[in-house]
PDB file of all heavy atoms in Angstrom:
ATOM      1  N   ASP A   1     -46.866  59.961 -93.979  1.00  0.00           N
ATOM      2  CA  ASP A   1     -46.596  61.194 -93.235  1.00  0.00           C
ATOM      3  C   ASP A   1     -46.497  60.935 -91.736  1.00  0.00           C
ATOM      4  O   ASP A   1     -45.596  61.452 -91.060  1.00  0.00           O
ATOM      5  CB  ASP A   1     -47.677  62.240 -93.524  1.00  0.00           C
ATOM      6  CG  ASP A   1     -47.601  62.766 -94.942  1.00  0.00           C
ATOM      7  OD1 ASP A   1     -46.523  62.673 -95.553  1.00  0.00           O
ATOM      8  OD2 ASP A   1     -48.632  63.271 -95.445  1.00  0.00           O
ATOM      9  N   ASP A   2     -47.427  60.138 -91.196  1.00  0.00           N
ATOM     10  CA  ASP A   2     -47.393  59.850 -89.761  1.00  0.00           C
ATOM     11  C   ASP A   2     -46.178  58.999 -89.399  1.00  0.00           C
ATOM     12  O   ASP A   2     -45.596  59.153 -88.317  1.00  0.00           O
ATOM     13  CB  ASP A   2     -48.675  59.151 -89.320  1.00  0.00           C
ATOM     14  CG  ASP A   2     -49.846  60.109 -89.183  1.00  0.00           C
ATOM     15  OD1 ASP A   2     -49.618  61.331 -89.225  1.00  0.00           O
ATOM     16  OD2 ASP A   2     -50.988  59.640 -89.045  1.00  0.00           O
ATOM     17  N   ALA A   3     -45.795  58.095 -90.293  1.00  0.00           N
ATOM     18  CA  ALA A   3     -44.608  57.284 -90.034  1.00  0.00           C
ATOM     19  C   ALA A   3     -43.367  58.161 -89.972  1.00  0.00           C
ATOM     20  O   ALA A   3     -42.508  57.987 -89.090  1.00  0.00           O
ATOM     21  CB  ALA A   3     -44.457  56.220 -91.112  1.00  0.00           C
ATOM     22  N   MET A   4     -43.263  59.129 -90.892  1.00  0.00           N
ATOM     23  CA  MET A   4     -42.097  60.014 -90.888  1.00  0.00           C
ATOM     24  C   MET A   4     -42.101  60.937 -89.678  1.00  0.00           C
ATOM     25  O   MET A   4     -41.046  61.366 -89.209  1.00  0.00           O
ATOM     26  CB  MET A   4     -42.066  60.837 -92.181  1.00  0.00           C
ATOM     27  CG  MET A   4     -41.883  59.997 -93.444  1.00  0.00           C
ATOM     28  SD  MET A   4     -40.460  58.887 -93.360  1.00  0.00           S
ATOM     29  CE  MET A   4     -39.114  60.065 -93.296  1.00  0.00           C
ATOM     30  N   ALA A   5     -43.297  61.230 -89.152  1.00  0.00           N
ATOM     31  CA  ALA A   5     -43.411  62.066 -87.956  1.00  0.00           C
ATOM     32  C   ALA A   5     -43.263  61.249 -86.673  1.00  0.00           C
ATOM     33  O   ALA A   5     -43.381  61.800 -85.581  1.00  0.00           O
ATOM     34  CB  ALA A   5     -44.751  62.793 -87.954  1.00  0.00           C
ATOM     35  N   GLU A   6     -43.017  59.949 -86.818  1.00  0.00           N
ATOM     36  CA  GLU A   6     -42.819  59.032 -85.691  1.00  0.00           C
ATOM     37  C   GLU A   6     -44.027  58.994 -84.752  1.00  0.00           C
ATOM     38  O   GLU A   6     -43.893  58.937 -83.531  1.00  0.00           O
ATOM     39  CB  GLU A   6     -41.533  59.373 -84.919  1.00  0.00           C
ATOM     40  CG  GLU A   6     -40.277  59.214 -85.753  1.00  0.00           C
ATOM     41  CD  GLU A   6     -39.007  59.374 -84.934  1.00  0.00           C
ATOM     42  OE1 GLU A   6     -39.041  60.102 -83.920  1.00  0.00           O
ATOM     43  OE2 GLU A   6     -37.989  58.759 -85.301  1.00  0.00           O
ATOM     44  N   LYS A   7     -45.225  59.028 -85.344  1.00  0.00           N
ATOM     45  CA  LYS A   7     -46.446  58.891 -84.569  1.00  0.00           C
ATOM     46  C   LYS A   7     -46.861  57.425 -84.526  1.00  0.00           C
ATOM     47  O   LYS A   7     -46.563  56.649 -85.438  1.00  0.00           O
ATOM     48  CB  LYS A   7     -47.578  59.713 -85.182  1.00  0.00           C
ATOM     49  CG  LYS A   7     -47.346  61.215 -85.188  1.00  0.00           C
ATOM     50  CD  LYS A   7     -48.527  61.926 -85.829  1.00  0.00           C
ATOM     51  CE  LYS A   7     -48.341  63.434 -85.848  1.00  0.00           C
ATOM     52  NZ  LYS A   7     -49.497  64.122 -86.495  1.00  0.00           N
ATOM     53  N   ALA A   8     -47.566  57.034 -83.473  1.00  0.00           N
ATOM     54  CA  ALA A   8     -48.178  55.713 -83.428  1.00  0.00           C
ATOM     55  C   ALA A   8     -49.493  55.764 -84.207  1.00  0.00           C
ATOM     56  O   ALA A   8     -50.124  56.821 -84.296  1.00  0.00           O
ATOM     57  CB  ALA A   8     -48.421  55.273 -81.984  1.00  0.00           C
ATOM     58  N   PRO A   9     -49.949  54.626 -84.757  1.00  0.00           N
ATOM     59  CA  PRO A   9     -51.113  54.648 -85.653  1.00  0.00           C
ATOM     60  C   PRO A   9     -52.473  54.577 -84.953  1.00  0.00           C
ATOM     61  O   PRO A   9     -53.410  53.992 -85.478  1.00  0.00           O
ATOM     62  CB  PRO A   9     -50.879  53.415 -86.528  1.00  0.00           C
ATOM     63  CG  PRO A   9     -50.181  52.471 -85.624  1.00  0.00           C
ATOM     64  CD  PRO A   9     -49.294  53.306 -84.748  1.00  0.00           C
ATOM     65  N   TYR A  10     -52.579  55.159 -83.778  1.00  0.00           N
ATOM     66  CA  TYR A  10     -53.880  55.170 -83.091  1.00  0.00           C
ATOM     67  C   TYR A  10     -53.998  56.434 -82.255  1.00  0.00           C
ATOM     68  O   TYR A  10     -52.999  57.088 -81.930  1.00  0.00           O
ATOM     69  CB  TYR A  10     -54.069  53.928 -82.217  1.00  0.00           C
ATOM     70  CG  TYR A  10     -53.132  53.831 -81.032  1.00  0.00           C
ATOM     71  CD1 TYR A  10     -53.519  54.269 -79.773  1.00  0.00           C
ATOM     72  CD2 TYR A  10     -51.859  53.280 -81.159  1.00  0.00           C
ATOM     73  CE1 TYR A  10     -52.670  54.176 -78.681  1.00  0.00           C
ATOM     74  CE2 TYR A  10     -50.997  53.174 -80.076  1.00  0.00           C
ATOM     75  CZ  TYR A  10     -51.406  53.626 -78.840  1.00  0.00           C
ATOM     76  OH  TYR A  10     -50.556  53.539 -77.763  1.00  0.00           O
ATOM     77  N   GLU A  11     -55.247  56.774 -81.913  1.00  0.00           N
ATOM     78  CA  GLU A  11     -55.544  57.964 -81.107  1.00  0.00           C
ATOM     79  C   GLU A  11     -56.631  57.621 -80.099  1.00  0.00           C
ATOM     80  O   GLU A  11     -57.529  56.826 -80.391  1.00  0.00           O
ATOM     81  CB  GLU A  11     -56.025  59.117 -81.987  1.00  0.00           C
ATOM     82  CG  GLU A  11     -55.016  59.581 -83.033  1.00  0.00           C
ATOM     83  CD  GLU A  11     -55.595  60.583 -84.015  1.00  0.00           C
ATOM     84  OE1 GLU A  11     -56.834  60.590 -84.198  1.00  0.00           O
ATOM     85  OE2 GLU A  11     -54.806  61.345 -84.609  1.00  0.00           O
ATOM     86  N   ILE A  12     -56.553  58.242 -78.924  1.00  0.00           N
ATOM     87  CA  ILE A  12     -57.563  58.060 -77.888  1.00  0.00           C
ATOM     88  C   ILE A  12     -58.122  59.432 -77.515  1.00  0.00           C
ATOM     89  O   ILE A  12     -57.353  60.337 -77.168  1.00  0.00           O
ATOM     90  CB  ILE A  12     -56.979  57.371 -76.639  1.00  0.00           C
ATOM     91  CG1 ILE A  12     -56.407  55.991 -77.011  1.00  0.00           C
ATOM     92  CG2 ILE A  12     -58.038  57.250 -75.546  1.00  0.00           C
ATOM     93  CD1 ILE A  12     -55.679  55.300 -75.868  1.00  0.00           C
ATOM     94  N   TYR A  13     -59.428  59.570 -77.605  1.00  0.00           N
ATOM     95  CA  TYR A  13     -60.107  60.807 -77.215  1.00  0.00           C
ATOM     96  C   TYR A  13     -60.849  60.533 -75.900  1.00  0.00           C
ATOM     97  O   TYR A  13     -61.792  59.738 -75.870  1.00  0.00           O
ATOM     98  CB  TYR A  13     -61.083  61.256 -78.300  1.00  0.00           C
ATOM     99  CG  TYR A  13     -60.402  61.678 -79.582  1.00  0.00           C
ATOM    100  CD1 TYR A  13     -60.042  60.737 -80.549  1.00  0.00           C
ATOM    101  CD2 TYR A  13     -60.113  63.024 -79.837  1.00  0.00           C
ATOM    102  CE1 TYR A  13     -59.410  61.115 -81.728  1.00  0.00           C
ATOM    103  CE2 TYR A  13     -59.474  63.412 -81.002  1.00  0.00           C
ATOM    104  CZ  TYR A  13     -59.121  62.454 -81.946  1.00  0.00           C
ATOM    105  OH  TYR A  13     -58.491  62.823 -83.104  1.00  0.00           O
ATOM    106  N   TRP A  14     -60.411  61.216 -74.840  1.00  0.00           N
ATOM    107  CA  TRP A  14     -60.981  60.990 -73.507  1.00  0.00           C
ATOM    108  C   TRP A  14     -61.718  62.246 -73.052  1.00  0.00           C
ATOM    109  O   TRP A  14     -61.159  63.329 -73.048  1.00  0.00           O
ATOM    110  CB  TRP A  14     -59.859  60.662 -72.522  1.00  0.00           C
ATOM    111  CG  TRP A  14     -60.355  59.919 -71.326  1.00  0.00           C
ATOM    112  CD1 TRP A  14     -60.689  60.459 -70.117  1.00  0.00           C
ATOM    113  CD2 TRP A  14     -60.572  58.513 -71.211  1.00  0.00           C
ATOM    114  NE1 TRP A  14     -61.107  59.469 -69.246  1.00  0.00           N
ATOM    115  CE2 TRP A  14     -61.051  58.261 -69.896  1.00  0.00           C
ATOM    116  CE3 TRP A  14     -60.434  57.436 -72.089  1.00  0.00           C
ATOM    117  CZ2 TRP A  14     -61.366  56.982 -69.453  1.00  0.00           C
ATOM    118  CZ3 TRP A  14     -60.747  56.169 -71.647  1.00  0.00           C
ATOM    119  CH2 TRP A  14     -61.203  55.954 -70.347  1.00  0.00           C
ATOM    120  N   PRO A  15     -62.986  62.130 -72.659  1.00  0.00           N
ATOM    121  CA  PRO A  15     -63.762  63.318 -72.262  1.00  0.00           C
ATOM    122  C   PRO A  15     -63.125  64.038 -71.072  1.00  0.00           C
ATOM    123  O   PRO A  15     -62.670  63.399 -70.116  1.00  0.00           O
ATOM    124  CB  PRO A  15     -65.123  62.736 -71.874  1.00  0.00           C
ATOM    125  CG  PRO A  15     -65.195  61.420 -72.571  1.00  0.00           C
ATOM    126  CD  PRO A  15     -63.793  60.898 -72.605  1.00  0.00           C
ATOM    127  N   LYS A  16     -63.106  65.356 -71.138  1.00  0.00           N
ATOM    128  CA  LYS A  16     -62.599  66.155 -70.031  1.00  0.00           C
ATOM    129  C   LYS A  16     -63.551  66.043 -68.848  1.00  0.00           C
ATOM    130  O   LYS A  16     -64.771  66.089 -69.008  1.00  0.00           O
ATOM    131  CB  LYS A  16     -62.446  67.621 -70.452  1.00  0.00           C
ATOM    132  CG  LYS A  16     -61.391  67.840 -71.532  1.00  0.00           C
ATOM    133  CD  LYS A  16     -61.350  69.296 -71.966  1.00  0.00           C
ATOM    134  CE  LYS A  16     -60.798  70.185 -70.873  1.00  0.00           C
ATOM    135  NZ  LYS A  16     -59.364  69.907 -70.593  1.00  0.00           N
ATOM    136  N   GLU A  17     -62.975  65.919 -67.660  1.00  0.00           N
ATOM    137  CA  GLU A  17     -63.818  65.770 -66.478  1.00  0.00           C
ATOM    138  C   GLU A  17     -64.608  67.036 -66.187  1.00  0.00           C
ATOM    139  O   GLU A  17     -65.682  66.978 -65.615  1.00  0.00           O
ATOM    140  CB  GLU A  17     -62.956  65.389 -65.274  1.00  0.00           C
ATOM    141  CG  GLU A  17     -62.377  63.994 -65.413  1.00  0.00           C
ATOM    142  CD  GLU A  17     -61.798  63.465 -64.118  1.00  0.00           C
ATOM    143  OE1 GLU A  17     -61.826  64.198 -63.113  1.00  0.00           O
ATOM    144  OE2 GLU A  17     -61.332  62.311 -64.123  1.00  0.00           O
ATOM    145  N   ASP A  18     -64.110  68.194 -66.633  1.00  0.00           N
ATOM    146  CA  ASP A  18     -64.843  69.446 -66.426  1.00  0.00           C
ATOM    147  C   ASP A  18     -66.149  69.451 -67.190  1.00  0.00           C
ATOM    148  O   ASP A  18     -67.036  70.249 -66.924  1.00  0.00           O
ATOM    149  CB  ASP A  18     -63.994  70.636 -66.872  1.00  0.00           C
ATOM    150  CG  ASP A  18     -62.816  70.871 -65.948  1.00  0.00           C
ATOM    151  OD1 ASP A  18     -62.835  70.342 -64.826  1.00  0.00           O
ATOM    152  OD2 ASP A  18     -61.877  71.565 -66.366  1.00  0.00           O
ATOM    153  N   ASP A  19     -66.284  68.543 -68.200  1.00  0.00           N
ATOM    154  CA  ASP A  19     -67.484  68.514 -69.037  1.00  0.00           C
ATOM    155  C   ASP A  19     -68.489  67.476 -68.566  1.00  0.00           C
ATOM    156  O   ASP A  19     -69.430  67.147 -69.277  1.00  0.00           O
ATOM    157  CB  ASP A  19     -67.105  68.212 -70.490  1.00  0.00           C
ATOM    158  CG  ASP A  19     -66.273  69.320 -71.099  1.00  0.00           C
ATOM    159  OD1 ASP A  19     -66.379  70.463 -70.630  1.00  0.00           O
ATOM    160  OD2 ASP A  19     -65.517  69.026 -72.033  1.00  0.00           O
ATOM    161  N   ASN A  20     -68.317  66.937 -67.376  1.00  0.00           N
ATOM    162  CA  ASN A  20     -69.188  65.856 -66.920  1.00  0.00           C
ATOM    163  C   ASN A  20     -70.665  66.223 -66.912  1.00  0.00           C
ATOM    164  O   ASN A  20     -71.526  65.378 -67.092  1.00  0.00           O
ATOM    165  CB  ASN A  20     -68.794  65.403 -65.508  1.00  0.00           C
ATOM    166  CG  ASN A  20     -67.620  64.440 -65.546  1.00  0.00           C
ATOM    167  OD1 ASN A  20     -67.228  63.994 -66.608  1.00  0.00           O
ATOM    168  ND2 ASN A  20     -67.073  64.121 -64.383  1.00  0.00           N
ATOM    169  N   ASN A  21     -70.957  67.488 -66.681  1.00  0.00           N
ATOM    170  CA  ASN A  21     -72.363  67.903 -66.628  1.00  0.00           C
ATOM    171  C   ASN A  21     -72.837  68.529 -67.920  1.00  0.00           C
ATOM    172  O   ASN A  21     -73.912  69.080 -67.989  1.00  0.00           O
ATOM    173  CB  ASN A  21     -72.568  68.891 -65.468  1.00  0.00           C
ATOM    174  CG  ASN A  21     -72.316  68.245 -64.117  1.00  0.00           C
ATOM    175  OD1 ASN A  21     -72.681  67.095 -63.916  1.00  0.00           O
ATOM    176  ND2 ASN A  21     -71.670  68.979 -63.214  1.00  0.00           N
ATOM    177  N   ASP A  22     -72.000  68.414 -68.957  1.00  0.00           N
ATOM    178  CA  ASP A  22     -72.363  69.008 -70.241  1.00  0.00           C
ATOM    179  C   ASP A  22     -73.398  68.146 -70.945  1.00  0.00           C
ATOM    180  O   ASP A  22     -73.294  66.924 -70.972  1.00  0.00           O
ATOM    181  CB  ASP A  22     -71.114  69.132 -71.117  1.00  0.00           C
ATOM    182  CG  ASP A  22     -71.435  69.742 -72.464  1.00  0.00           C
ATOM    183  OD1 ASP A  22     -72.136  70.763 -72.503  1.00  0.00           O
ATOM    184  OD2 ASP A  22     -70.975  69.185 -73.466  1.00  0.00           O
ATOM    185  N   ASN A  23     -74.411  68.764 -71.502  1.00  0.00           N
ATOM    186  CA  ASN A  23     -75.460  68.032 -72.206  1.00  0.00           C
ATOM    187  C   ASN A  23     -75.309  68.133 -73.710  1.00  0.00           C
ATOM    188  O   ASN A  23     -76.275  68.018 -74.457  1.00  0.00           O
ATOM    189  CB  ASN A  23     -76.850  68.573 -71.798  1.00  0.00           C
ATOM    190  CG  ASN A  23     -77.174  68.254 -70.361  1.00  0.00           C
ATOM    191  OD1 ASN A  23     -76.889  67.152 -69.902  1.00  0.00           O
ATOM    192  ND2 ASN A  23     -77.748  69.210 -69.646  1.00  0.00           N
ATOM    193  N   GLY A  24     -74.072  68.338 -74.169  1.00  0.00           N
ATOM    194  CA  GLY A  24     -73.833  68.517 -75.592  1.00  0.00           C
ATOM    195  C   GLY A  24     -74.127  67.275 -76.390  1.00  0.00           C
ATOM    196  O   GLY A  24     -74.293  66.178 -75.875  1.00  0.00           O
ATOM    197  N   SER A  25     -74.160  67.442 -77.706  1.00  0.00           N
ATOM    198  CA  SER A  25     -74.445  66.329 -78.601  1.00  0.00           C
ATOM    199  C   SER A  25     -73.190  65.523 -78.821  1.00  0.00           C
ATOM    200  O   SER A  25     -72.128  65.820 -78.322  1.00  0.00           O
ATOM    201  CB  SER A  25     -74.982  66.851 -79.931  1.00  0.00           C
ATOM    202  OG  SER A  25     -74.003  67.652 -80.560  1.00  0.00           O
ATOM    203  N   GLY A  26     -73.337  64.468 -79.630  1.00  0.00           N
ATOM    204  CA  GLY A  26     -72.176  63.689 -80.014  1.00  0.00           C
ATOM    205  C   GLY A  26     -72.036  62.384 -79.259  1.00  0.00           C
ATOM    206  O   GLY A  26     -71.029  61.716 -79.392  1.00  0.00           O
ATOM    207  N   THR A  27     -73.033  61.989 -78.470  1.00  0.00           N
ATOM    208  CA  THR A  27     -72.914  60.766 -77.689  1.00  0.00           C
ATOM    209  C   THR A  27     -73.080  59.531 -78.546  1.00  0.00           C
ATOM    210  O   THR A  27     -72.508  58.495 -78.270  1.00  0.00           O
ATOM    211  CB  THR A  27     -73.947  60.727 -76.556  1.00  0.00           C
ATOM    212  OG1 THR A  27     -75.264  60.834 -77.130  1.00  0.00           O
ATOM    213  CG2 THR A  27     -73.746  61.889 -75.611  1.00  0.00           C
TER     214      THR A  27
END
């Protein structure tokens, strides 16, 4: 499906700078 959609086989998730002071979970 991703090949037919012409996507590359990787993803990068970069934290939003507005969340720099966020103490949320997930670290």
